[in-house]
Amino acid sequence: MNKQEILIQTQAYIKKTFLDEGTGHDYFHIERVVTNAKKILETENADSFLVELAAWTHDIGDYKLHEGVDKSEELIRAFLESINVEEESIQKVLEIVSQVSFSKGNKPTTIEAEIVQDADRLDAIGAVGIARCFAYGGSVGSILYNPYDNSKDASSVQHFYDKLFKLKDLMNTKTAKKIALSRHEYMEKFIEEFYHEVK
C-alpha cells in the first residue's frame, strides 16, 4: 500500500470512529488539525506523510476519551499495523503523537512533532476553540462560570486561563504563531464581553 492509500484508509477509519464524538474531539476537529498541518507544511521542510498520518491519528487513544487512561500507543499501533504501515513509520508517528498533548508538557523533538502540536493547538483557540471549550466542559459536567472560584478546572471560563490563553506563546512555527495571534485576540475580546455581560 502506498502512502496516499494509507492516508485515505486512515481518514476513513477516523471518520467512522469519531464522527459522533461529543467532547469537541470529533472527526471535524481532527480534519481541521490535518488542514492546519498542511497549511504549516507550506512553509516548513518536513516529512508531509508522517505529519499527516500523525495528525489524523493523534486523538485515537487520548486519555480524555478513555476515562483518564492514555491508550495512544496501544490503539494507534494496532490500527497502523492493521493497514500494514511499516514499523519505522509507526515508531515515528507514535513519537510525534506523544509530544502533541498540552497536559503532558512534552517539548517536540522534531519538526514533524512541532507542526502537529501547533496544528492541534490552533484548533483549541479562536472562535472554534471557544466553541470546543464549552462543548468539552458540558460533556464532562463542568460549570460555565463561577465568579468566586478561579482554581484550576473550576469552570469552562477558567479553562481560558488554565490553558487557552497560554497557547499563543507556545507555538513552534512561524505560520502557527501568525495564525495564533489573531485567534488569541479574538478570545480576549470574547472574555472581555463575557465579563461585561455577567457583571
N, C-alpha and C. Protein backbone atom coordinates (compact mmCIF):
# COMPACT_ATOMS: atom_id res chain seq x y z
N MET A 1 0.84 -1.19 0.00
CA MET A 1 0.00 0.00 0.00
C MET A 1 0.87 1.25 0.00
N ASN A 2 0.61 2.20 -0.91
CA ASN A 2 1.44 3.41 -0.95
C ASN A 2 0.97 4.42 0.11
N LYS A 3 1.73 5.48 0.24
CA LYS A 3 1.48 6.45 1.30
C LYS A 3 0.11 7.11 1.17
N GLN A 4 -0.28 7.43 -0.05
CA GLN A 4 -1.57 8.07 -0.26
C GLN A 4 -2.73 7.15 0.14
N GLU A 5 -2.59 5.88 -0.18
CA GLU A 5 -3.63 4.91 0.20
C GLU A 5 -3.72 4.76 1.72
N ILE A 6 -2.56 4.80 2.37
CA ILE A 6 -2.54 4.72 3.84
C ILE A 6 -3.30 5.91 4.44
N LEU A 7 -3.05 7.09 3.90
CA LEU A 7 -3.72 8.29 4.41
C LEU A 7 -5.23 8.23 4.15
N ILE A 8 -5.63 7.73 3.00
CA ILE A 8 -7.06 7.61 2.67
C ILE A 8 -7.74 6.63 3.62
N GLN A 9 -7.10 5.50 3.86
CA GLN A 9 -7.67 4.50 4.77
C GLN A 9 -7.74 5.03 6.20
N THR A 10 -6.72 5.79 6.58
CA THR A 10 -6.70 6.37 7.93
C THR A 10 -7.82 7.38 8.10
N GLN A 11 -7.99 8.24 7.11
CA GLN A 11 -9.07 9.22 7.17
C GLN A 11 -10.43 8.53 7.30
N ALA A 12 -10.63 7.47 6.52
CA ALA A 12 -11.90 6.73 6.56
C ALA A 12 -12.14 6.13 7.94
N TYR A 13 -11.09 5.59 8.54
CA TYR A 13 -11.21 5.00 9.88
C TYR A 13 -11.54 6.07 10.92
N ILE A 14 -10.87 7.21 10.84
CA ILE A 14 -11.11 8.30 11.79
C ILE A 14 -12.53 8.83 11.64
N LYS A 15 -13.00 8.95 10.40
CA LYS A 15 -14.37 9.44 10.19
C LYS A 15 -15.38 8.49 10.80
N LYS A 16 -15.19 7.22 10.60
CA LYS A 16 -16.10 6.20 11.13
C LYS A 16 -16.07 6.20 12.66
N THR A 17 -14.89 6.37 13.24
CA THR A 17 -14.72 6.25 14.69
C THR A 17 -15.12 7.51 15.44
N PHE A 18 -14.87 8.67 14.87
CA PHE A 18 -15.01 9.93 15.62
C PHE A 18 -16.15 10.83 15.16
N LEU A 19 -16.93 10.43 14.18
CA LEU A 19 -17.92 11.33 13.59
C LEU A 19 -18.89 11.89 14.63
N ASP A 20 -19.38 11.06 15.55
CA ASP A 20 -20.38 11.50 16.52
C ASP A 20 -19.82 11.74 17.91
N GLU A 21 -18.50 11.87 18.03
CA GLU A 21 -17.85 12.10 19.31
C GLU A 21 -18.27 13.49 19.83
N GLY A 22 -18.65 13.59 21.12
CA GLY A 22 -19.28 14.81 21.60
C GLY A 22 -18.48 15.70 22.52
N THR A 23 -17.18 15.49 22.67
CA THR A 23 -16.40 16.32 23.61
C THR A 23 -15.63 17.45 22.91
N GLY A 24 -15.82 17.60 21.60
CA GLY A 24 -15.02 18.57 20.86
C GLY A 24 -13.80 17.94 20.22
N HIS A 25 -13.69 16.60 20.36
CA HIS A 25 -12.59 15.86 19.73
C HIS A 25 -13.16 14.98 18.61
N ASP A 26 -14.10 15.52 17.88
CA ASP A 26 -14.79 14.76 16.84
C ASP A 26 -14.00 14.71 15.53
N TYR A 27 -14.58 14.05 14.54
CA TYR A 27 -13.91 13.91 13.25
C TYR A 27 -13.53 15.27 12.66
N PHE A 28 -14.43 16.23 12.77
CA PHE A 28 -14.16 17.53 12.13
C PHE A 28 -13.05 18.29 12.83
N HIS A 29 -12.88 18.08 14.15
CA HIS A 29 -11.70 18.63 14.84
C HIS A 29 -10.44 18.04 14.22
N ILE A 30 -10.42 16.73 14.09
CA ILE A 30 -9.22 16.06 13.56
C ILE A 30 -8.97 16.51 12.12
N GLU A 31 -10.02 16.64 11.34
CA GLU A 31 -9.87 17.11 9.96
C GLU A 31 -9.29 18.53 9.93
N ARG A 32 -9.73 19.38 10.85
CA ARG A 32 -9.19 20.74 10.92
C ARG A 32 -7.71 20.73 11.32
N VAL A 33 -7.33 19.81 12.21
CA VAL A 33 -5.92 19.69 12.60
C VAL A 33 -5.07 19.30 11.38
N VAL A 34 -5.58 18.38 10.58
CA VAL A 34 -4.86 17.99 9.35
C VAL A 34 -4.75 19.19 8.41
N THR A 35 -5.83 19.94 8.27
CA THR A 35 -5.80 21.14 7.40
C THR A 35 -4.79 22.15 7.92
N ASN A 36 -4.78 22.38 9.23
CA ASN A 36 -3.79 23.29 9.83
C ASN A 36 -2.37 22.81 9.56
N ALA A 37 -2.16 21.50 9.71
CA ALA A 37 -0.82 20.93 9.50
C ALA A 37 -0.37 21.13 8.05
N LYS A 38 -1.28 20.94 7.11
CA LYS A 38 -0.94 21.14 5.70
C LYS A 38 -0.58 22.60 5.43
N LYS A 39 -1.28 23.50 6.08
CA LYS A 39 -1.01 24.93 5.92
C LYS A 39 0.40 25.25 6.43
N ILE A 40 0.75 24.69 7.58
CA ILE A 40 2.08 24.92 8.16
C ILE A 40 3.16 24.27 7.29
N LEU A 41 2.85 23.12 6.71
CA LEU A 41 3.80 22.41 5.84
C LEU A 41 4.23 23.23 4.63
N GLU A 42 3.39 24.18 4.23
CA GLU A 42 3.72 25.01 3.07
C GLU A 42 4.97 25.85 3.32
N THR A 43 5.27 26.12 4.59
CA THR A 43 6.43 26.97 4.89
C THR A 43 7.50 26.26 5.73
N GLU A 44 7.33 24.96 5.95
CA GLU A 44 8.30 24.20 6.75
C GLU A 44 8.79 22.99 5.96
N ASN A 45 10.04 22.65 6.14
CA ASN A 45 10.63 21.49 5.47
C ASN A 45 10.50 20.28 6.39
N ALA A 46 9.51 19.42 6.10
CA ALA A 46 9.24 18.27 6.97
C ALA A 46 8.69 17.12 6.14
N ASP A 47 8.61 15.96 6.74
CA ASP A 47 8.06 14.77 6.10
C ASP A 47 6.53 14.88 6.14
N SER A 48 5.93 15.25 5.03
CA SER A 48 4.49 15.52 4.99
C SER A 48 3.66 14.27 5.29
N PHE A 49 4.14 13.10 4.88
CA PHE A 49 3.41 11.86 5.15
C PHE A 49 3.31 11.61 6.65
N LEU A 50 4.43 11.71 7.35
CA LEU A 50 4.41 11.50 8.80
C LEU A 50 3.57 12.55 9.51
N VAL A 51 3.66 13.79 9.07
CA VAL A 51 2.87 14.86 9.67
C VAL A 51 1.38 14.57 9.52
N GLU A 52 0.96 14.23 8.30
CA GLU A 52 -0.46 13.98 8.06
C GLU A 52 -0.95 12.74 8.80
N LEU A 53 -0.15 11.68 8.80
CA LEU A 53 -0.55 10.44 9.46
C LEU A 53 -0.68 10.67 10.98
N ALA A 54 0.27 11.40 11.55
CA ALA A 54 0.20 11.70 12.99
C ALA A 54 -0.98 12.62 13.30
N ALA A 55 -1.23 13.58 12.41
CA ALA A 55 -2.36 14.49 12.64
C ALA A 55 -3.69 13.73 12.61
N TRP A 56 -3.83 12.80 11.66
CA TRP A 56 -5.07 12.02 11.59
C TRP A 56 -5.25 11.12 12.81
N THR A 57 -4.16 10.60 13.37
CA THR A 57 -4.27 9.60 14.44
C THR A 57 -4.06 10.15 15.84
N HIS A 58 -3.80 11.44 15.99
CA HIS A 58 -3.33 11.97 17.27
C HIS A 58 -4.32 11.83 18.42
N ASP A 59 -5.61 11.69 18.14
CA ASP A 59 -6.61 11.58 19.21
C ASP A 59 -7.10 10.15 19.44
N ILE A 60 -6.59 9.20 18.70
CA ILE A 60 -7.11 7.82 18.79
C ILE A 60 -7.13 7.29 20.22
N GLY A 61 -6.07 7.51 20.96
CA GLY A 61 -6.02 6.96 22.33
C GLY A 61 -6.03 8.01 23.42
N ASP A 62 -6.49 9.22 23.09
CA ASP A 62 -6.44 10.34 24.02
C ASP A 62 -7.11 9.98 25.36
N TYR A 63 -6.44 10.34 26.45
CA TYR A 63 -6.95 9.99 27.79
C TYR A 63 -8.33 10.57 28.06
N LYS A 64 -8.64 11.72 27.42
CA LYS A 64 -9.94 12.36 27.65
C LYS A 64 -11.09 11.51 27.10
N LEU A 65 -10.76 10.63 26.18
CA LEU A 65 -11.78 9.79 25.55
C LEU A 65 -11.77 8.37 26.10
N HIS A 66 -10.87 8.11 27.06
CA HIS A 66 -10.73 6.75 27.61
C HIS A 66 -10.67 6.77 29.14
N GLU A 67 -11.57 7.56 29.74
CA GLU A 67 -11.72 7.61 31.20
C GLU A 67 -10.40 7.89 31.93
N GLY A 68 -9.64 8.82 31.37
CA GLY A 68 -8.41 9.25 32.02
C GLY A 68 -7.19 8.40 31.77
N VAL A 69 -7.32 7.36 30.94
CA VAL A 69 -6.18 6.48 30.64
C VAL A 69 -5.70 6.73 29.21
N ASP A 70 -4.42 7.06 29.05
CA ASP A 70 -3.85 7.29 27.72
C ASP A 70 -3.59 5.95 27.04
N LYS A 71 -4.30 5.72 25.94
CA LYS A 71 -4.13 4.47 25.19
C LYS A 71 -3.56 4.72 23.79
N SER A 72 -2.91 5.87 23.63
CA SER A 72 -2.42 6.27 22.31
C SER A 72 -1.52 5.22 21.67
N GLU A 73 -0.48 4.83 22.39
CA GLU A 73 0.50 3.90 21.80
C GLU A 73 -0.17 2.59 21.40
N GLU A 74 -0.96 2.05 22.29
CA GLU A 74 -1.61 0.76 22.06
C GLU A 74 -2.59 0.82 20.87
N LEU A 75 -3.45 1.83 20.84
CA LEU A 75 -4.51 1.88 19.82
C LEU A 75 -4.00 2.36 18.46
N ILE A 76 -3.08 3.32 18.47
CA ILE A 76 -2.51 3.79 17.20
C ILE A 76 -1.72 2.66 16.54
N ARG A 77 -0.89 1.99 17.34
CA ARG A 77 -0.11 0.87 16.80
C ARG A 77 -1.03 -0.20 16.21
N ALA A 78 -2.07 -0.56 16.94
CA ALA A 78 -2.98 -1.61 16.47
C ALA A 78 -3.61 -1.23 15.13
N PHE A 79 -4.04 0.04 15.01
CA PHE A 79 -4.65 0.47 13.76
C PHE A 79 -3.64 0.48 12.62
N LEU A 80 -2.48 1.10 12.84
CA LEU A 80 -1.48 1.21 11.77
C LEU A 80 -0.97 -0.16 11.33
N GLU A 81 -0.82 -1.07 12.27
CA GLU A 81 -0.42 -2.43 11.89
C GLU A 81 -1.51 -3.11 11.06
N SER A 82 -2.76 -2.80 11.36
CA SER A 82 -3.87 -3.43 10.64
C SER A 82 -3.93 -3.01 9.17
N ILE A 83 -3.33 -1.85 8.85
CA ILE A 83 -3.28 -1.43 7.44
C ILE A 83 -1.86 -1.53 6.88
N ASN A 84 -1.04 -2.31 7.57
CA ASN A 84 0.30 -2.67 7.09
C ASN A 84 1.27 -1.49 6.92
N VAL A 85 1.21 -0.55 7.85
CA VAL A 85 2.21 0.53 7.87
C VAL A 85 3.50 -0.05 8.41
N GLU A 86 4.61 0.31 7.81
CA GLU A 86 5.90 -0.26 8.22
C GLU A 86 6.28 0.21 9.63
N GLU A 87 7.04 -0.62 10.32
CA GLU A 87 7.38 -0.39 11.73
C GLU A 87 8.08 0.95 11.95
N GLU A 88 8.99 1.31 11.07
CA GLU A 88 9.72 2.57 11.23
C GLU A 88 8.77 3.76 11.26
N SER A 89 7.78 3.76 10.37
CA SER A 89 6.80 4.85 10.33
C SER A 89 5.91 4.84 11.56
N ILE A 90 5.53 3.65 12.01
CA ILE A 90 4.71 3.54 13.22
C ILE A 90 5.44 4.15 14.41
N GLN A 91 6.72 3.82 14.56
CA GLN A 91 7.51 4.36 15.67
C GLN A 91 7.58 5.88 15.62
N LYS A 92 7.77 6.41 14.42
CA LYS A 92 7.88 7.87 14.27
C LYS A 92 6.56 8.57 14.56
N VAL A 93 5.45 7.97 14.11
CA VAL A 93 4.13 8.54 14.38
C VAL A 93 3.84 8.53 15.88
N LEU A 94 4.17 7.41 16.54
CA LEU A 94 3.95 7.32 17.99
C LEU A 94 4.78 8.37 18.74
N GLU A 95 5.99 8.60 18.27
CA GLU A 95 6.84 9.61 18.90
C GLU A 95 6.24 11.00 18.73
N ILE A 96 5.76 11.31 17.52
CA ILE A 96 5.13 12.61 17.26
C ILE A 96 3.92 12.79 18.16
N VAL A 97 3.03 11.80 18.16
CA VAL A 97 1.79 11.91 18.94
C VAL A 97 2.07 12.07 20.43
N SER A 98 3.11 11.42 20.93
CA SER A 98 3.45 11.51 22.35
C SER A 98 3.87 12.93 22.75
N GLN A 99 4.21 13.76 21.76
CA GLN A 99 4.69 15.11 22.04
C GLN A 99 3.66 16.20 21.73
N VAL A 100 2.45 15.81 21.37
CA VAL A 100 1.43 16.78 20.97
C VAL A 100 0.70 17.38 22.16
N SER A 101 0.37 16.58 23.15
CA SER A 101 -0.53 16.97 24.23
C SER A 101 -0.01 18.13 25.08
N PHE A 102 -0.91 19.07 25.40
CA PHE A 102 -0.59 20.18 26.30
C PHE A 102 -0.37 19.67 27.72
N SER A 103 -1.24 18.78 28.16
CA SER A 103 -1.20 18.32 29.56
C SER A 103 0.06 17.52 29.87
N LYS A 104 0.61 16.82 28.88
CA LYS A 104 1.84 16.04 29.12
C LYS A 104 3.06 16.95 29.23
N GLY A 105 2.98 18.11 28.58
CA GLY A 105 4.07 19.08 28.67
C GLY A 105 5.34 18.69 27.96
N ASN A 106 5.25 17.75 27.01
CA ASN A 106 6.44 17.33 26.28
C ASN A 106 6.81 18.32 25.17
N LYS A 107 8.09 18.65 25.09
CA LYS A 107 8.54 19.56 24.05
C LYS A 107 8.87 18.75 22.79
N PRO A 108 8.38 19.19 21.63
CA PRO A 108 8.65 18.44 20.39
C PRO A 108 10.14 18.34 20.10
N THR A 109 10.55 17.17 19.61
CA THR A 109 11.97 16.95 19.31
C THR A 109 12.25 16.91 17.81
N THR A 110 11.18 16.99 17.00
CA THR A 110 11.35 17.00 15.54
C THR A 110 10.44 18.09 14.95
N ILE A 111 10.75 18.50 13.74
CA ILE A 111 9.91 19.49 13.07
C ILE A 111 8.52 18.92 12.82
N GLU A 112 8.43 17.62 12.57
CA GLU A 112 7.12 16.99 12.35
C GLU A 112 6.25 17.10 13.60
N ALA A 113 6.85 16.85 14.76
CA ALA A 113 6.11 16.95 16.03
C ALA A 113 5.72 18.41 16.32
N GLU A 114 6.61 19.34 15.99
CA GLU A 114 6.29 20.76 16.17
C GLU A 114 5.06 21.14 15.35
N ILE A 115 5.01 20.67 14.12
CA ILE A 115 3.90 21.02 13.23
C ILE A 115 2.58 20.44 13.73
N VAL A 116 2.59 19.17 14.11
CA VAL A 116 1.34 18.54 14.58
C VAL A 116 0.89 19.17 15.89
N GLN A 117 1.82 19.46 16.77
CA GLN A 117 1.47 20.12 18.03
C GLN A 117 0.85 21.48 17.75
N ASP A 118 1.47 22.26 16.88
CA ASP A 118 0.92 23.57 16.51
C ASP A 118 -0.46 23.43 15.89
N ALA A 119 -0.61 22.49 14.98
CA ALA A 119 -1.87 22.30 14.27
C ALA A 119 -3.01 21.97 15.24
N ASP A 120 -2.72 21.14 16.23
CA ASP A 120 -3.72 20.77 17.23
C ASP A 120 -4.04 21.96 18.13
N ARG A 121 -3.03 22.69 18.52
CA ARG A 121 -3.24 23.84 19.42
C ARG A 121 -3.98 24.97 18.74
N LEU A 122 -3.78 25.14 17.45
CA LEU A 122 -4.51 26.18 16.74
C LEU A 122 -6.01 25.93 16.78
N ASP A 123 -6.41 24.66 16.80
CA ASP A 123 -7.84 24.34 16.84
C ASP A 123 -8.41 24.50 18.24
N ALA A 124 -7.55 24.78 19.22
CA ALA A 124 -8.01 24.98 20.60
C ALA A 124 -8.22 26.45 20.92
N ILE A 125 -7.90 27.34 19.97
CA ILE A 125 -8.05 28.78 20.23
C ILE A 125 -8.89 29.43 19.13
N GLY A 126 -9.22 30.71 19.34
CA GLY A 126 -10.07 31.42 18.39
C GLY A 126 -11.53 31.03 18.58
N ALA A 127 -12.35 31.34 17.59
CA ALA A 127 -13.79 31.06 17.68
C ALA A 127 -14.07 29.58 17.85
N VAL A 128 -13.37 28.75 17.08
CA VAL A 128 -13.55 27.30 17.19
C VAL A 128 -13.10 26.82 18.58
N GLY A 129 -12.01 27.36 19.05
CA GLY A 129 -11.51 26.97 20.36
C GLY A 129 -12.50 27.31 21.47
N ILE A 130 -13.15 28.47 21.36
CA ILE A 130 -14.16 28.86 22.33
C ILE A 130 -15.30 27.84 22.32
N ALA A 131 -15.78 27.52 21.13
CA ALA A 131 -16.87 26.55 21.00
C ALA A 131 -16.47 25.20 21.58
N ARG A 132 -15.27 24.76 21.27
CA ARG A 132 -14.81 23.45 21.76
C ARG A 132 -14.64 23.46 23.28
N CYS A 133 -14.19 24.57 23.83
CA CYS A 133 -14.01 24.68 25.27
C CYS A 133 -15.33 24.42 26.00
N PHE A 134 -16.39 25.05 25.54
CA PHE A 134 -17.68 24.89 26.20
C PHE A 134 -18.33 23.55 25.88
N ALA A 135 -18.06 23.03 24.68
CA ALA A 135 -18.57 21.69 24.35
C ALA A 135 -17.93 20.65 25.26
N TYR A 136 -16.63 20.74 25.44
CA TYR A 136 -15.93 19.78 26.31
C TYR A 136 -16.38 19.95 27.76
N GLY A 137 -16.47 21.19 28.20
CA GLY A 137 -16.90 21.44 29.58
C GLY A 137 -18.27 20.83 29.85
N GLY A 138 -19.18 21.02 28.92
CA GLY A 138 -20.51 20.45 29.08
C GLY A 138 -20.49 18.94 29.10
N SER A 139 -19.62 18.36 28.29
CA SER A 139 -19.57 16.89 28.19
C SER A 139 -19.04 16.23 29.46
N VAL A 140 -18.25 16.97 30.24
CA VAL A 140 -17.69 16.40 31.47
C VAL A 140 -18.35 16.99 32.72
N GLY A 141 -19.42 17.76 32.52
CA GLY A 141 -20.17 18.28 33.66
C GLY A 141 -19.56 19.49 34.33
N SER A 142 -18.68 20.19 33.63
CA SER A 142 -18.07 21.40 34.18
C SER A 142 -19.07 22.56 34.12
N ILE A 143 -19.09 23.40 35.15
CA ILE A 143 -19.99 24.55 35.10
C ILE A 143 -19.43 25.60 34.16
N LEU A 144 -20.32 26.48 33.69
CA LEU A 144 -19.93 27.52 32.74
C LEU A 144 -18.96 28.51 33.36
N TYR A 145 -19.32 29.02 34.55
CA TYR A 145 -18.53 30.10 35.16
C TYR A 145 -18.87 30.20 36.64
N ASN A 146 -17.85 30.37 37.45
CA ASN A 146 -18.05 30.61 38.88
C ASN A 146 -17.21 31.82 39.26
N PRO A 147 -17.86 32.98 39.53
CA PRO A 147 -17.08 34.19 39.82
C PRO A 147 -16.29 34.13 41.12
N TYR A 148 -16.57 33.13 41.97
CA TYR A 148 -15.91 33.05 43.27
C TYR A 148 -14.82 31.98 43.33
N ASP A 149 -14.59 31.32 42.21
CA ASP A 149 -13.60 30.23 42.21
C ASP A 149 -12.77 30.28 40.93
N ASN A 150 -11.50 30.61 41.07
CA ASN A 150 -10.60 30.62 39.90
C ASN A 150 -9.50 29.57 40.04
N SER A 151 -9.81 28.51 40.78
CA SER A 151 -8.85 27.41 40.87
C SER A 151 -8.87 26.60 39.58
N LYS A 152 -7.85 25.81 39.36
CA LYS A 152 -7.73 25.03 38.12
C LYS A 152 -8.95 24.13 37.92
N ASP A 153 -9.45 24.13 36.69
CA ASP A 153 -10.60 23.30 36.29
C ASP A 153 -11.90 23.68 36.99
N ALA A 154 -11.98 24.88 37.56
CA ALA A 154 -13.19 25.27 38.30
C ALA A 154 -14.40 25.47 37.38
N SER A 155 -14.15 25.89 36.13
CA SER A 155 -15.25 26.15 35.20
C SER A 155 -14.69 26.19 33.78
N SER A 156 -15.59 26.26 32.82
CA SER A 156 -15.15 26.38 31.42
C SER A 156 -14.44 27.71 31.19
N VAL A 157 -14.92 28.77 31.82
CA VAL A 157 -14.25 30.07 31.67
C VAL A 157 -12.85 30.02 32.27
N GLN A 158 -12.68 29.33 33.38
CA GLN A 158 -11.35 29.20 33.99
C GLN A 158 -10.37 28.50 33.06
N HIS A 159 -10.89 27.64 32.17
CA HIS A 159 -10.03 26.91 31.24
C HIS A 159 -9.28 27.86 30.29
N PHE A 160 -9.84 29.03 30.05
CA PHE A 160 -9.12 30.02 29.23
C PHE A 160 -7.80 30.39 29.91
N TYR A 161 -7.81 30.51 31.23
CA TYR A 161 -6.61 30.90 31.98
C TYR A 161 -5.71 29.70 32.25
N ASP A 162 -6.31 28.52 32.43
CA ASP A 162 -5.53 27.31 32.68
C ASP A 162 -4.73 26.90 31.45
N LYS A 163 -5.30 27.14 30.25
CA LYS A 163 -4.68 26.62 29.03
C LYS A 163 -4.75 27.56 27.82
N LEU A 164 -5.95 27.96 27.43
CA LEU A 164 -6.13 28.58 26.11
C LEU A 164 -5.33 29.86 25.91
N PHE A 165 -5.28 30.72 26.92
CA PHE A 165 -4.53 31.97 26.79
C PHE A 165 -3.01 31.75 26.75
N LYS A 166 -2.57 30.56 27.13
CA LYS A 166 -1.13 30.26 27.14
C LYS A 166 -0.63 29.77 25.78
N LEU A 167 -1.53 29.30 24.94
CA LEU A 167 -1.12 28.60 23.72
C LEU A 167 -0.43 29.48 22.70
N LYS A 168 -0.82 30.76 22.61
CA LYS A 168 -0.21 31.66 21.63
C LYS A 168 1.31 31.68 21.76
N ASP A 169 1.79 31.73 22.99
CA ASP A 169 3.23 31.84 23.22
C ASP A 169 3.95 30.49 23.20
N LEU A 170 3.21 29.42 22.98
CA LEU A 170 3.81 28.08 22.94
C LEU A 170 3.90 27.51 21.53
N MET A 171 3.50 28.30 20.52
CA MET A 171 3.58 27.83 19.14
C MET A 171 5.04 27.71 18.71
N ASN A 172 5.30 26.74 17.86
CA ASN A 172 6.67 26.46 17.43
C ASN A 172 7.05 27.11 16.10
N THR A 173 6.13 27.10 15.14
CA THR A 173 6.45 27.53 13.77
C THR A 173 5.96 28.95 13.50
N LYS A 174 6.59 29.60 12.54
CA LYS A 174 6.23 30.98 12.19
C LYS A 174 4.78 31.08 11.74
N THR A 175 4.36 30.14 10.91
CA THR A 175 2.99 30.16 10.40
C THR A 175 1.99 30.05 11.54
N ALA A 176 2.22 29.14 12.46
CA ALA A 176 1.30 28.95 13.59
C ALA A 176 1.28 30.18 14.49
N LYS A 177 2.44 30.78 14.71
CA LYS A 177 2.50 31.97 15.56
C LYS A 177 1.66 33.10 14.97
N LYS A 178 1.71 33.23 13.67
CA LYS A 178 0.96 34.29 12.99
C LYS A 178 -0.55 34.04 13.10
N ILE A 179 -0.97 32.82 12.85
CA ILE A 179 -2.39 32.47 12.94
C ILE A 179 -2.87 32.59 14.39
N ALA A 180 -2.04 32.16 15.32
CA ALA A 180 -2.42 32.16 16.73
C ALA A 180 -2.67 33.57 17.26
N LEU A 181 -1.95 34.53 16.76
CA LEU A 181 -2.06 35.90 17.28
C LEU A 181 -3.49 36.44 17.12
N SER A 182 -4.05 36.32 15.93
CA SER A 182 -5.40 36.84 15.70
C SER A 182 -6.45 36.03 16.47
N ARG A 183 -6.24 34.72 16.56
CA ARG A 183 -7.19 33.89 17.30
C ARG A 183 -7.15 34.20 18.80
N HIS A 184 -5.96 34.47 19.31
CA HIS A 184 -5.81 34.84 20.72
C HIS A 184 -6.54 36.15 21.01
N GLU A 185 -6.37 37.11 20.13
CA GLU A 185 -7.02 38.41 20.31
C GLU A 185 -8.54 38.26 20.30
N TYR A 186 -9.05 37.36 19.47
CA TYR A 186 -10.49 37.12 19.42
C TYR A 186 -10.98 36.55 20.76
N MET A 187 -10.22 35.64 21.34
CA MET A 187 -10.60 35.07 22.63
C MET A 187 -10.59 36.14 23.73
N GLU A 188 -9.61 37.03 23.68
CA GLU A 188 -9.56 38.11 24.67
C GLU A 188 -10.79 38.99 24.59
N LYS A 189 -11.23 39.29 23.35
CA LYS A 189 -12.43 40.10 23.17
C LYS A 189 -13.67 39.37 23.68
N PHE A 190 -13.72 38.06 23.44
CA PHE A 190 -14.84 37.26 23.91
C PHE A 190 -14.93 37.30 25.43
N ILE A 191 -13.82 37.07 26.11
CA ILE A 191 -13.82 37.05 27.58
C ILE A 191 -14.16 38.43 28.13
N GLU A 192 -13.66 39.46 27.48
CA GLU A 192 -13.98 40.83 27.90
C GLU A 192 -15.49 41.06 27.82
N GLU A 193 -16.10 40.63 26.73
CA GLU A 193 -17.55 40.78 26.56
C GLU A 193 -18.30 39.90 27.56
N PHE A 194 -17.79 38.70 27.79
CA PHE A 194 -18.42 37.79 28.75
C PHE A 194 -18.51 38.44 30.13
N TYR A 195 -17.39 38.99 30.59
CA TYR A 195 -17.38 39.64 31.91
C TYR A 195 -18.30 40.85 31.94
N HIS A 196 -18.36 41.56 30.83
CA HIS A 196 -19.25 42.74 30.74
C HIS A 196 -20.70 42.30 30.94
N GLU A 197 -21.05 41.15 30.37
CA GLU A 197 -22.43 40.69 30.43
C GLU A 197 -22.80 40.06 31.77
N VAL A 198 -21.83 39.55 32.51
CA VAL A 198 -22.16 38.88 33.77
C VAL A 198 -21.99 39.80 34.99
N LYS A 199 -21.61 41.03 34.77
CA LYS A 199 -21.45 41.97 35.90
C LYS A 199 -22.81 42.31 36.48
